[in-house]
Amino acid sequence: MHKNSFFEDVFEVVRLIPKGKISTYGAIAEYLGTKGAARMVGWALNQCNDTGKENIPAHRVVNRKGLLTGKIHFRGKSMGGLLRADGIQISNNQIMDFENLLWEPRKELL
């Protein structure tokens, strides 16, 4: 990584999250060598509403507790609906079975 801008690196990692799995802003930041920059990962993913970024599954990234904190940024779409279409169960804006669905790039992308 890091041949691109930070945002492009974020997009590259998020594209690798398999359907039926979720990751966290912090896990992605840590993988990119910027531990503590979870908020910057969120800022990058806010751009996924822009033309040309529709292939980035930003809905698969949640906070460290499994909460759908980024749901307000899905213009015209439902983050929960997209996750449910991936086969993920949600209750009260929280991922059910979070630990078993968690995809951590530092472990998965060795």
Protein backbone atom coordinates (compact mmCIF):
# COMPACT_ATOMS: atom_id res chain seq x y z
CA MET A 1 0.00 0.00 0.00
CA HIS A 2 0.90 3.70 0.25
CA LYS A 3 1.67 4.08 -3.45
CA ASN A 4 -1.58 6.05 -3.64
CA SER A 5 -3.10 8.71 -1.47
CA PHE A 6 -4.41 7.63 1.92
CA PHE A 7 -8.00 7.76 0.64
CA GLU A 8 -7.14 5.55 -2.35
CA ASP A 9 -5.43 3.09 0.01
CA VAL A 10 -8.60 3.00 2.12
CA PHE A 11 -10.72 2.33 -0.98
CA GLU A 12 -8.38 -0.47 -2.05
CA VAL A 13 -8.69 -2.23 1.33
CA VAL A 14 -12.46 -1.76 1.57
CA ARG A 15 -12.94 -3.30 -1.89
CA LEU A 16 -11.38 -6.49 -0.45
CA ILE A 17 -13.93 -6.95 2.36
CA PRO A 18 -15.88 -10.06 1.38
CA LYS A 19 -19.66 -10.09 1.13
CA GLY A 20 -21.04 -11.26 4.46
CA LYS A 21 -18.16 -9.74 6.45
CA ILE A 22 -17.60 -6.35 8.05
CA SER A 23 -14.55 -4.40 9.13
CA THR A 24 -13.97 -1.35 11.29
CA TYR A 25 -12.58 2.10 10.64
CA GLY A 26 -9.84 1.45 13.19
CA ALA A 27 -8.84 -1.94 11.76
CA ILE A 28 -8.40 -0.38 8.32
CA ALA A 29 -6.42 2.56 9.74
CA GLU A 30 -4.16 0.19 11.66
CA TYR A 31 -3.53 -1.95 8.58
CA LEU A 32 -2.52 1.16 6.65
CA GLY A 33 0.01 2.04 9.33
CA THR A 34 -2.01 4.94 10.69
CA LYS A 35 -3.34 3.52 13.95
CA GLY A 36 -5.54 6.14 15.55
CA ALA A 37 -6.73 7.52 12.21
CA ALA A 38 -10.11 5.77 12.21
CA ARG A 39 -11.85 9.11 11.66
CA MET A 40 -9.78 9.70 8.52
CA VAL A 41 -10.94 6.32 7.19
CA GLY A 42 -14.50 7.52 7.76
CA TRP A 43 -13.79 10.75 5.89
CA ALA A 44 -12.46 8.75 2.97
CA LEU A 45 -15.55 6.54 2.92
CA ASN A 46 -17.82 9.59 2.96
CA GLN A 47 -16.59 10.19 -0.60
CA CYS A 48 -18.10 6.89 -1.76
CA ASN A 49 -21.26 8.75 -2.74
CA ASP A 50 -19.24 10.47 -5.47
CA THR A 51 -19.52 9.32 -9.06
CA GLY A 52 -17.05 6.57 -9.87
CA LYS A 53 -16.85 5.17 -6.36
CA GLU A 54 -20.01 3.04 -6.40
CA ASN A 55 -17.93 -0.16 -6.41
CA ILE A 56 -16.55 0.53 -2.93
CA PRO A 57 -18.61 -1.38 -0.34
CA ALA A 58 -18.38 1.35 2.31
CA HIS A 59 -21.44 -0.12 4.03
CA ARG A 60 -19.24 -2.99 5.25
CA VAL A 61 -17.26 -0.66 7.55
CA VAL A 62 -18.64 0.03 11.03
CA ASN A 63 -17.31 1.34 14.31
CA ARG A 64 -15.31 -0.79 16.76
CA LYS A 65 -18.47 -1.84 18.59
CA GLY A 66 -20.32 -2.91 15.45
CA LEU A 67 -22.56 0.16 15.33
CA LEU A 68 -23.69 1.65 12.02
CA THR A 69 -22.30 5.09 12.83
CA GLY A 70 -21.74 5.99 9.17
CA LYS A 71 -25.35 5.37 8.13
CA ILE A 72 -26.17 9.07 7.73
CA HIS A 73 -23.73 9.32 4.81
CA PHE A 74 -25.57 6.89 2.55
CA ARG A 75 -27.53 9.30 0.40
CA GLY A 76 -30.60 7.61 -1.00
CA LYS A 77 -29.45 4.21 0.28
CA SER A 78 -29.80 2.37 3.54
CA MET A 79 -26.58 1.14 5.11
CA GLY A 80 -28.61 -1.42 7.04
CA GLY A 81 -30.41 -2.51 3.89
CA LEU A 82 -27.13 -3.00 2.05
CA LEU A 83 -25.73 -5.03 4.94
CA ARG A 84 -28.88 -7.14 5.14
CA ALA A 85 -28.55 -7.81 1.40
CA ASP A 86 -25.04 -9.11 2.22
CA GLY A 87 -26.64 -11.54 4.70
CA ILE A 88 -25.71 -9.62 7.85
CA GLN A 89 -28.23 -9.37 10.67
CA ILE A 90 -28.70 -6.02 12.40
CA SER A 91 -30.64 -5.05 15.50
CA ASN A 92 -30.92 -1.47 16.80
CA ASN A 93 -28.29 -0.26 14.31
CA GLN A 94 -25.77 -2.83 15.55
CA ILE A 95 -24.23 -5.83 13.79
CA MET A 96 -25.34 -9.10 15.33
CA ASP A 97 -22.57 -11.70 15.81
CA PHE A 98 -20.02 -8.92 15.29
CA GLU A 99 -16.96 -10.90 16.42
CA ASN A 100 -17.61 -13.75 13.98
CA LEU A 101 -18.25 -11.43 11.04
CA LEU A 102 -15.25 -9.18 11.66
CA TRP A 103 -12.75 -9.09 8.80
CA GLU A 104 -9.42 -7.67 10.00
CA PRO A 105 -7.08 -6.70 7.16
CA ARG A 106 -3.93 -7.12 9.26
CA LYS A 107 -4.85 -10.81 9.69
CA GLU A 108 -6.49 -11.45 6.31
CA LEU A 109 -4.02 -9.64 4.06
CA LEU A 110 -0.72 -11.13 5.15
